[in-house]
C-alpha atoms as a PDB file:
ATOM      1  CA  MET A   1    -178.545  48.396-118.048  1.00  0.00           C
ATOM      2  CA  ARG A   2    -178.446  52.141-118.666  1.00  0.00           C
ATOM      3  CA  VAL A   3    -176.953  55.256-117.103  1.00  0.00           C
ATOM      4  CA  LEU A   4    -179.155  57.622-115.098  1.00  0.00           C
ATOM      5  CA  PHE A   5    -176.332  59.794-113.737  1.00  0.00           C
ATOM      6  CA  PRO A   6    -174.157  61.222-115.267  1.00  0.00           C
ATOM      7  CA  ASP A   7    -176.350  61.833-118.286  1.00  0.00           C
ATOM      8  CA  VAL A   8    -174.676  59.316-120.615  1.00  0.00           C
ATOM      9  CA  SER A   9    -171.922  56.719-120.462  1.00  0.00           C
ATOM     10  CA  PRO A  10    -168.386  57.785-121.444  1.00  0.00           C
ATOM     11  CA  ALA A  11    -168.413  55.789-124.683  1.00  0.00           C
ATOM     12  CA  ALA A  12    -171.865  57.014-125.652  1.00  0.00           C
ATOM     13  CA  ALA A  13    -170.907  60.592-124.922  1.00  0.00           C
ATOM     14  CA  SER A  14    -167.840  60.401-127.148  1.00  0.00           C
ATOM     15  CA  ALA A  15    -169.958  58.995-129.958  1.00  0.00           C
ATOM     16  CA  ALA A  16    -172.518  61.785-129.427  1.00  0.00           C
ATOM     17  CA  SER A  17    -175.240  59.223-129.974  1.00  0.00           C
ATOM     18  CA  GLY A  18    -177.204  59.911-126.810  1.00  0.00           C
ATOM     19  CA  ASP A  19    -177.375  56.160-126.157  1.00  0.00           C
ATOM     20  CA  THR A  20    -177.218  55.401-122.433  1.00  0.00           C
ATOM     21  CA  THR A  21    -176.881  51.610-122.726  1.00  0.00           C
ATOM     22  CA  VAL A  22    -173.898  50.427-120.709  1.00  0.00           C
ATOM     23  CA  SER A  23    -171.328  48.249-122.473  1.00  0.00           C
ATOM     24  CA  ASP A  24    -168.617  46.209-120.752  1.00  0.00           C
ATOM     25  CA  ASP A  25    -166.088  48.897-121.689  1.00  0.00           C
ATOM     26  CA  ASP A  26    -168.332  51.565-120.147  1.00  0.00           C
ATOM     27  CA  LEU A  27    -168.568  49.600-116.914  1.00  0.00           C
ATOM     28  CA  GLU A  28    -164.808  49.150-116.806  1.00  0.00           C
ATOM     29  CA  ASN A  29    -164.361  52.921-117.155  1.00  0.00           C
ATOM     30  CA  LEU A  30    -167.070  53.729-114.611  1.00  0.00           C
ATOM     31  CA  TYR A  31    -165.554  51.437-111.983  1.00  0.00           C
ATOM     32  CA  ALA A  32    -161.860  52.066-112.717  1.00  0.00           C
ATOM     33  CA  TYR A  33    -159.564  52.319-109.691  1.00  0.00           C
ATOM     34  CA  PRO A  34    -157.383  55.426-109.220  1.00  0.00           C
ATOM     35  CA  ALA A  35    -153.908  54.745-110.574  1.00  0.00           C
ATOM     36  CA  ASP A  36    -151.960  56.859-108.096  1.00  0.00           C
ATOM     37  CA  ARG A  37    -152.936  55.541-104.665  1.00  0.00           C
ATOM     38  CA  ARG A  38    -154.330  52.696-102.582  1.00  0.00           C
ATOM     39  CA  TRP A  39    -158.109  52.560-102.868  1.00  0.00           C
ATOM     40  CA  VAL A  40    -160.558  50.630-100.683  1.00  0.00           C
ATOM     41  CA  ARG A  41    -163.934  49.897-102.238  1.00  0.00           C
ATOM     42  CA  ALA A  42    -166.870  48.113-100.595  1.00  0.00           C
ATOM     43  CA  ASN A  43    -169.596  46.401-102.603  1.00  0.00           C
ATOM     44  CA  PHE A  44    -173.062  45.477-101.298  1.00  0.00           C
ATOM     45  CA  VAL A  45    -176.582  44.686-102.428  1.00  0.00           C
ATOM     46  CA  ALA A  46    -179.488  45.746-100.172  1.00  0.00           C
ATOM     47  CA  THR A  47    -183.277  45.724-100.260  1.00  0.00           C
ATOM     48  CA  LEU A  48    -185.426  48.853-100.295  1.00  0.00           C
ATOM     49  CA  ASP A  49    -185.910  48.500 -96.548  1.00  0.00           C
ATOM     50  CA  GLY A  50    -182.168  48.262 -95.935  1.00  0.00           C
ATOM     51  CA  SER A  51    -181.442  44.565 -95.462  1.00  0.00           C
ATOM     52  CA  VAL A  52    -178.234  43.142 -96.921  1.00  0.00           C
ATOM     53  CA  GLN A  53    -179.545  39.630 -96.298  1.00  0.00           C
ATOM     54  CA  GLY A  54    -182.200  37.826 -98.285  1.00  0.00           C
ATOM     55  CA  PRO A  55    -184.840  35.451 -96.855  1.00  0.00           C
ATOM     56  CA  ASP A  56    -182.144  32.769 -96.591  1.00  0.00           C
ATOM     57  CA  SER A  57    -179.835  35.190 -94.698  1.00  0.00           C
ATOM     58  CA  ARG A  58    -177.538  35.362 -97.731  1.00  0.00           C
ATOM     59  CA  SER A  59    -177.003  38.268-100.102  1.00  0.00           C
ATOM     60  CA  ARG A  60    -177.106  36.171-103.267  1.00  0.00           C
ATOM     61  CA  SER A  61    -180.864  35.726-103.025  1.00  0.00           C
ATOM     62  CA  ILE A  62    -181.444  39.482-103.474  1.00  0.00           C
ATOM     63  CA  SER A  63    -178.832  39.916-106.228  1.00  0.00           C
ATOM     64  CA  SER A  64    -179.958  40.625-109.806  1.00  0.00           C
ATOM     65  CA  THR A  65    -178.356  39.822-113.152  1.00  0.00           C
ATOM     66  CA  GLY A  66    -176.975  43.353-113.365  1.00  0.00           C
ATOM     67  CA  ASP A  67    -175.650  43.175-109.813  1.00  0.00           C
ATOM     68  CA  LYS A  68    -173.885  39.883-110.591  1.00  0.00           C
ATOM     69  CA  ARG A  69    -172.378  41.492-113.699  1.00  0.00           C
ATOM     70  CA  VAL A  70    -170.904  44.335-111.638  1.00  0.00           C
ATOM     71  CA  PHE A  71    -169.891  41.940-108.843  1.00  0.00           C
ATOM     72  CA  ALA A  72    -167.791  39.947-111.328  1.00  0.00           C
ATOM     73  CA  LEU A  73    -166.298  43.116-112.822  1.00  0.00           C
ATOM     74  CA  LEU A  74    -165.285  44.509-109.426  1.00  0.00           C
ATOM     75  CA  ARG A  75    -163.564  41.240-108.604  1.00  0.00           C
ATOM     76  CA  SER A  76    -161.838  41.315-111.991  1.00  0.00           C
ATOM     77  CA  LEU A  77    -160.486  44.828-111.325  1.00  0.00           C
ATOM     78  CA  SER A  78    -159.199  44.142-107.795  1.00  0.00           C
ATOM     79  CA  ASP A  79    -155.820  43.095-106.426  1.00  0.00           C
ATOM     80  CA  VAL A  80    -157.356  41.465-103.351  1.00  0.00           C
ATOM     81  CA  ILE A  81    -160.817  40.746-101.917  1.00  0.00           C
ATOM     82  CA  LEU A  82    -161.235  41.646 -98.238  1.00  0.00           C
ATOM     83  CA  VAL A  83    -163.958  39.842 -96.295  1.00  0.00           C
ATOM     84  CA  GLY A  84    -164.908  39.233 -92.666  1.00  0.00           C
ATOM     85  CA  ALA A  85    -164.859  35.689 -91.314  1.00  0.00           C
ATOM     86  CA  GLY A  86    -168.595  35.731 -90.503  1.00  0.00           C
ATOM     87  CA  THR A  87    -169.470  36.606 -94.086  1.00  0.00           C
ATOM     88  CA  ALA A  88    -166.988  34.046 -95.398  1.00  0.00           C
ATOM     89  CA  ARG A  89    -168.808  31.377 -93.384  1.00  0.00           C
ATOM     90  CA  SER A  90    -172.412  32.458 -94.064  1.00  0.00           C
ATOM     91  CA  GLU A  91    -171.841  33.017 -97.795  1.00  0.00           C
ATOM     92  CA  VAL A  92    -169.669  29.880 -98.076  1.00  0.00           C
ATOM     93  CA  TYR A  93    -166.657  31.644 -99.545  1.00  0.00           C
ATOM     94  CA  MET A  94    -164.128  29.659-101.525  1.00  0.00           C
ATOM     95  CA  PRO A  95    -160.943  30.871-103.263  1.00  0.00           C
ATOM     96  CA  VAL A  96    -161.676  32.764-106.478  1.00  0.00           C
ATOM     97  CA  LYS A  97    -161.589  30.670-109.655  1.00  0.00           C
ATOM     98  CA  SER A  98    -160.275  31.859-113.005  1.00  0.00           C
ATOM     99  CA  SER A  99    -163.747  31.319-114.505  1.00  0.00           C
ATOM    100  CA  GLU A 100    -165.178  33.899-112.060  1.00  0.00           C
ATOM    101  CA  THR A 101    -163.112  36.806-113.404  1.00  0.00           C
ATOM    102  CA  ARG A 102    -162.316  38.333-116.804  1.00  0.00           C
ATOM    103  CA  ALA A 103    -158.865  36.985-117.679  1.00  0.00           C
ATOM    104  CA  ALA A 104    -158.212  39.385-120.576  1.00  0.00           C
ATOM    105  CA  LEU A 105    -159.094  42.405-118.447  1.00  0.00           C
ATOM    106  CA  ARG A 106    -156.799  41.305-115.626  1.00  0.00           C
ATOM    107  CA  LYS A 107    -153.950  40.647-118.052  1.00  0.00           C
ATOM    108  CA  ARG A 108    -154.441  44.061-119.673  1.00  0.00           C
ATOM    109  CA  HIS A 109    -154.191  45.749-116.243  1.00  0.00           C
ATOM    110  CA  GLY A 110    -151.130  43.738-115.239  1.00  0.00           C
ATOM    111  CA  LEU A 111    -153.003  41.883-112.481  1.00  0.00           C
ATOM    112  CA  ALA A 112    -152.467  38.343-111.238  1.00  0.00           C
ATOM    113  CA  PRO A 113    -154.702  35.674-112.849  1.00  0.00           C
ATOM    114  CA  VAL A 114    -157.073  35.763-109.864  1.00  0.00           C
ATOM    115  CA  PRO A 115    -157.286  37.967-106.747  1.00  0.00           C
ATOM    116  CA  PRO A 116    -156.599  36.310-103.382  1.00  0.00           C
ATOM    117  CA  LEU A 117    -159.047  36.474-100.505  1.00  0.00           C
ATOM    118  CA  ALA A 118    -157.943  38.328 -97.361  1.00  0.00           C
ATOM    119  CA  VAL A 119    -160.091  37.133 -94.454  1.00  0.00           C
ATOM    120  CA  VAL A 120    -160.348  39.153 -91.232  1.00  0.00           C
ATOM    121  CA  THR A 121    -160.725  36.960 -88.134  1.00  0.00           C
ATOM    122  CA  ARG A 122    -159.797  37.151 -84.469  1.00  0.00           C
ATOM    123  CA  THR A 123    -160.620  33.518 -83.627  1.00  0.00           C
ATOM    124  CA  LEU A 124    -159.244  31.835 -86.793  1.00  0.00           C
ATOM    125  CA  GLY A 125    -162.405  29.769 -87.194  1.00  0.00           C
ATOM    126  CA  LEU A 126    -161.973  29.241 -90.923  1.00  0.00           C
ATOM    127  CA  SER A 127    -162.530  26.317 -93.282  1.00  0.00           C
ATOM    128  CA  PRO A 128    -159.374  24.412 -94.314  1.00  0.00           C
ATOM    129  CA  ASP A 129    -160.622  24.552 -97.930  1.00  0.00           C
ATOM    130  CA  LEU A 130    -160.660  28.342 -97.724  1.00  0.00           C
ATOM    131  CA  LEU A 131    -157.274  28.521 -96.033  1.00  0.00           C
ATOM    132  CA  ARG A 132    -155.546  26.398 -98.629  1.00  0.00           C
ATOM    133  CA  GLY A 133    -156.442  28.890-101.335  1.00  0.00           C
ATOM    134  CA  GLY A 134    -156.615  28.173-105.045  1.00  0.00           C
ATOM    135  CA  ARG A 135    -154.530  29.857-107.732  1.00  0.00           C
ATOM    136  CA  ALA A 136    -153.953  32.680-105.233  1.00  0.00           C
ATOM    137  CA  PRO A 137    -153.055  31.784-101.620  1.00  0.00           C
ATOM    138  CA  THR A 138    -155.502  33.032 -99.011  1.00  0.00           C
ATOM    139  CA  ILE A 139    -154.336  35.796 -96.677  1.00  0.00           C
ATOM    140  CA  VAL A 140    -155.510  35.693 -93.041  1.00  0.00           C
ATOM    141  CA  ILE A 141    -155.658  38.951 -91.073  1.00  0.00           C
ATOM    142  CA  THR A 142    -155.796  38.363 -87.336  1.00  0.00           C
ATOM    143  CA  VAL A 143    -154.595  39.606 -83.929  1.00  0.00           C
ATOM    144  CA  ALA A 144    -151.688  38.815 -81.636  1.00  0.00           C
ATOM    145  CA  ASP A 145    -154.115  37.396 -79.041  1.00  0.00           C
ATOM    146  CA  ALA A 146    -155.468  34.781 -81.469  1.00  0.00           C
ATOM    147  CA  PRO A 147    -155.258  31.216 -80.101  1.00  0.00           C
ATOM    148  CA  GLY A 148    -151.567  30.272 -80.323  1.00  0.00           C
ATOM    149  CA  PRO A 149    -151.820  26.612 -81.438  1.00  0.00           C
ATOM    150  CA  ARG A 150    -154.462  27.503 -84.021  1.00  0.00           C
ATOM    151  CA  LEU A 151    -152.331  30.393 -85.278  1.00  0.00           C
ATOM    152  CA  ASP A 152    -149.455  27.992 -85.908  1.00  0.00           C
ATOM    153  CA  GLU A 153    -151.797  25.685 -87.849  1.00  0.00           C
ATOM    154  CA  VAL A 154    -153.095  28.530 -89.990  1.00  0.00           C
ATOM    155  CA  ARG A 155    -149.574  29.750 -90.751  1.00  0.00           C
ATOM    156  CA  GLU A 156    -148.851  26.367 -92.334  1.00  0.00           C
ATOM    157  CA  LEU A 157    -151.710  26.879 -94.794  1.00  0.00           C
ATOM    158  CA  ALA A 158    -151.946  30.626 -95.447  1.00  0.00           C
ATOM    159  CA  ASP A 159    -150.131  33.938 -95.435  1.00  0.00           C
ATOM    160  CA  VAL A 160    -150.887  35.505 -92.026  1.00  0.00           C
ATOM    161  CA  ILE A 161    -150.935  39.198 -91.170  1.00  0.00           C
ATOM    162  CA  VAL A 162    -151.010  40.040 -87.449  1.00  0.00           C
ATOM    163  CA  ALA A 163    -152.503  43.522 -87.096  1.00  0.00           C
ATOM    164  CA  GLY A 164    -153.274  44.597 -83.533  1.00  0.00           C
ATOM    165  CA  ARG A 165    -153.392  42.725 -80.256  1.00  0.00           C
ATOM    166  CA  GLU A 166    -157.059  42.269 -79.274  1.00  0.00           C
ATOM    167  CA  GLN A 167    -158.814  44.018 -82.177  1.00  0.00           C
ATOM    168  CA  VAL A 168    -157.734  44.080 -85.804  1.00  0.00           C
ATOM    169  CA  ASP A 169    -156.033  47.374 -86.679  1.00  0.00           C
ATOM    170  CA  LEU A 170    -157.311  47.897 -90.206  1.00  0.00           C
ATOM    171  CA  GLY A 171    -154.772  50.614 -90.964  1.00  0.00           C
ATOM    172  CA  VAL A 172    -151.934  48.191 -90.239  1.00  0.00           C
ATOM    173  CA  ALA A 173    -153.696  45.410 -92.161  1.00  0.00           C
ATOM    174  CA  LEU A 174    -154.166  47.563 -95.255  1.00  0.00           C
ATOM    175  CA  ASP A 175    -150.549  48.747 -95.095  1.00  0.00           C
ATOM    176  CA  GLU A 176    -149.454  45.101 -95.035  1.00  0.00           C
ATOM    177  CA  LEU A 177    -151.676  44.288 -98.016  1.00  0.00           C
ATOM    178  CA  GLU A 178    -150.197  47.220 -99.916  1.00  0.00           C
ATOM    179  CA  MET A 179    -146.674  46.000 -99.107  1.00  0.00           C
ATOM    180  CA  ARG A 180    -147.695  42.738-100.804  1.00  0.00           C
ATOM    181  CA  GLY A 181    -148.622  44.712-103.920  1.00  0.00           C
ATOM    182  CA  HIS A 182    -152.369  44.882-103.216  1.00  0.00           C
ATOM    183  CA  ARG A 183    -153.482  48.496-103.755  1.00  0.00           C
ATOM    184  CA  ARG A 184    -156.858  47.829-105.414  1.00  0.00           C
ATOM    185  CA  ILE A 185    -158.798  46.504-102.446  1.00  0.00           C
ATOM    186  CA  LEU A 186    -162.372  45.239-102.745  1.00  0.00           C
ATOM    187  CA  CYS A 187    -164.290  44.678 -99.496  1.00  0.00           C
ATOM    188  CA  GLU A 188    -167.297  42.363 -99.772  1.00  0.00           C
ATOM    189  CA  GLY A 189    -168.392  42.714 -96.145  1.00  0.00           C
ATOM    190  CA  GLY A 190    -169.730  41.920 -93.793  1.00  0.00           C
ATOM    191  CA  PRO A 191    -171.475  44.801 -92.046  1.00  0.00           C
ATOM    192  CA  THR A 192    -169.140  44.866 -89.019  1.00  0.00           C
ATOM    193  CA  LEU A 193    -166.002  44.996 -91.160  1.00  0.00           C
ATOM    194  CA  THR A 194    -167.518  47.685 -93.381  1.00  0.00           C
ATOM    195  CA  ARG A 195    -168.489  49.754 -90.348  1.00  0.00           C
ATOM    196  CA  ASP A 196    -164.960  49.446 -88.965  1.00  0.00           C
ATOM    197  CA  LEU A 197    -163.425  50.456 -92.304  1.00  0.00           C
ATOM    198  CA  ALA A 198    -165.649  53.549 -92.395  1.00  0.00           C
ATOM    199  CA  ALA A 199    -164.842  54.366 -88.757  1.00  0.00           C
ATOM    200  CA  SER A 200    -161.108  54.132 -89.435  1.00  0.00           C
ATOM    201  CA  GLY A 201    -161.342  56.504 -92.404  1.00  0.00           C
ATOM    202  CA  GLN A 202    -160.098  53.769 -94.732  1.00  0.00           C
ATOM    203  CA  LEU A 203    -163.271  53.312 -96.813  1.00  0.00           C
ATOM    204  CA  ASP A 204    -162.793  55.314-100.008  1.00  0.00           C
ATOM    205  CA  GLU A 205    -165.779  54.123-102.003  1.00  0.00           C
ATOM    206  CA  LEU A 206    -169.100  52.340-101.591  1.00  0.00           C
ATOM    207  CA  CYS A 207    -170.818  50.492-104.423  1.00  0.00           C
ATOM    208  CA  LEU A 208    -174.428  49.669-103.586  1.00  0.00           C
ATOM    209  CA  THR A 209    -177.081  47.847-105.568  1.00  0.00           C
ATOM    210  CA  VAL A 210    -180.601  48.629-104.335  1.00  0.00           C
ATOM    211  CA  SER A 211    -182.929  45.709-104.984  1.00  0.00           C
ATOM    212  CA  PRO A 212    -186.634  46.583-105.551  1.00  0.00           C
ATOM    213  CA  THR A 213    -187.660  44.323-102.678  1.00  0.00           C
ATOM    214  CA  VAL A 214    -189.162  44.894 -99.230  1.00  0.00           C
ATOM    215  CA  LEU A 215    -188.436  42.003 -96.879  1.00  0.00           C
ATOM    216  CA  GLY A 216    -189.153  43.167 -93.341  1.00  0.00           C
ATOM    217  CA  GLY A 217    -187.576  41.024 -90.646  1.00  0.00           C
ATOM    218  CA  ASP A 218    -184.362  41.812 -88.844  1.00  0.00           C
ATOM    219  CA  GLY A 219    -181.726  41.327 -91.556  1.00  0.00           C
ATOM    220  CA  LEU A 220    -178.459  43.153 -91.056  1.00  0.00           C
ATOM    221  CA  ARG A 221    -177.932  46.616 -92.498  1.00  0.00           C
ATOM    222  CA  LEU A 222    -174.967  47.752 -94.561  1.00  0.00           C
ATOM    223  CA  THR A 223    -172.981  48.514 -91.416  1.00  0.00           C
ATOM    224  CA  HIS A 224    -173.294  47.069 -87.934  1.00  0.00           C
ATOM    225  CA  GLY A 225    -171.786  48.378 -84.710  1.00  0.00           C
ATOM    226  CA  GLU A 226    -171.358  51.581 -82.768  1.00  0.00           C
ATOM    227  CA  PRO A 227    -172.556  54.828 -84.405  1.00  0.00           C
ATOM    228  CA  LEU A 228    -169.951  56.692 -86.449  1.00  0.00           C
ATOM    229  CA  VAL A 229    -169.202  60.132 -85.005  1.00  0.00           C
ATOM    230  CA  PRO A 230    -168.891  62.196 -87.068  1.00  0.00           C
ATOM    231  CA  PRO A 231    -170.492  60.157 -89.857  1.00  0.00           C
ATOM    232  CA  PRO A 232    -168.427  60.080 -93.062  1.00  0.00           C
ATOM    233  CA  LEU A 233    -170.112  61.696 -96.062  1.00  0.00           C
ATOM    234  CA  PHE A 234    -170.078  60.363 -99.606  1.00  0.00           C
ATOM    235  CA  THR A 235    -170.711  61.864-103.056  1.00  0.00           C
ATOM    236  CA  LEU A 236    -172.672  60.074-105.783  1.00  0.00           C
ATOM    237  CA  GLU A 237    -170.343  59.294-108.699  1.00  0.00           C
ATOM    238  CA  HIS A 238    -172.752  57.385-110.911  1.00  0.00           C
ATOM    239  CA  LEU A 239    -176.188  55.771-110.924  1.00  0.00           C
ATOM    240  CA  LEU A 240    -177.211  52.900-113.196  1.00  0.00           C
ATOM    241  CA  LEU A 241    -180.606  51.265-113.733  1.00  0.00           C
ATOM    242  CA  ASP A 242    -181.063  47.588-114.517  1.00  0.00           C
ATOM    243  CA  ASP A 243    -184.557  46.034-114.396  1.00  0.00           C
ATOM    244  CA  ASP A 244    -185.645  48.317-111.526  1.00  0.00           C
ATOM    245  CA  ASN A 245    -182.390  47.680-109.638  1.00  0.00           C
ATOM    246  CA  LEU A 246    -180.354  50.807-108.894  1.00  0.00           C
ATOM    247  CA  LEU A 247    -176.573  50.455-108.988  1.00  0.00           C
ATOM    248  CA  CYS A 248    -174.884  53.334-107.154  1.00  0.00           C
ATOM    249  CA  ARG A 249    -171.253  54.272-106.688  1.00  0.00           C
ATOM    250  CA  PHE A 250    -170.336  56.736-103.945  1.00  0.00           C
ATOM    251  CA  ALA A 251    -166.886  58.190-103.176  1.00  0.00           C
ATOM    252  CA  ARG A 252    -165.951  59.457 -99.727  1.00  0.00           C
ATOM    253  CA  ARG A 253    -165.800  63.231 -99.405  1.00  0.00           C
ATOM    254  CA  PRO A 254    -162.563  64.668 -98.021  1.00  0.00           C
ATOM    255  CA  PRO A 255    -162.915  65.624 -94.346  1.00  0.00           C
ATOM    256  CA  PRO A 256    -163.574  69.346 -93.751  1.00  0.00           C
ATOM    257  CA  ASN A 257    -160.556  71.480 -92.916  1.00  0.00           C
END
């Protein structure tokens, strides 16, 4: 993996060697969260023709070694992983294991041993194995109009945030996560949740791996739902290359005055 933009990695620049190979320390610096505020980051992999789903309708089949390396790092840097219920079902999400994150990094940053999952769902159609959590209890974000008996069942297994009546109010949900100490928020999809985050003005950053693959078909795009008006604009922060896969990080531009 090497840096295409900016010209060289931070460590390489300080050594004045001109080497653009990306070390683990470089990646940690490149993907560091701001220290002074809540920050919502989304992470996706997509094909050249825009699909975030592989031939098996799952993202893992279009992920590369470099993408998996960044995926694990982003999880290691986060306080909480936000995901929609549809993605949790299709990608067979389970609570994060200690072996899936970098323990020394998390300890150095004062983070819990593993980040919890925060699953957004209106219907509460979630697996009991997911609800029970692992080392970090799962958080369920839902609405006041969720089925009452099912809501009581879920409350016995997980921490529940009620945000909105019929539709999830993401601003309220993120405020509640922050009150629980979760300021470094990593969203792993799906496309509807990501679209709603962008629409609400809550999406600060987008990390996107572009896979050198053309699939065709009707796989979902990065966002799904009503058009965003006006569309939020993002600025390229860095661009990495790994075996013909492009790893991009974009930060949201401030709205015009």
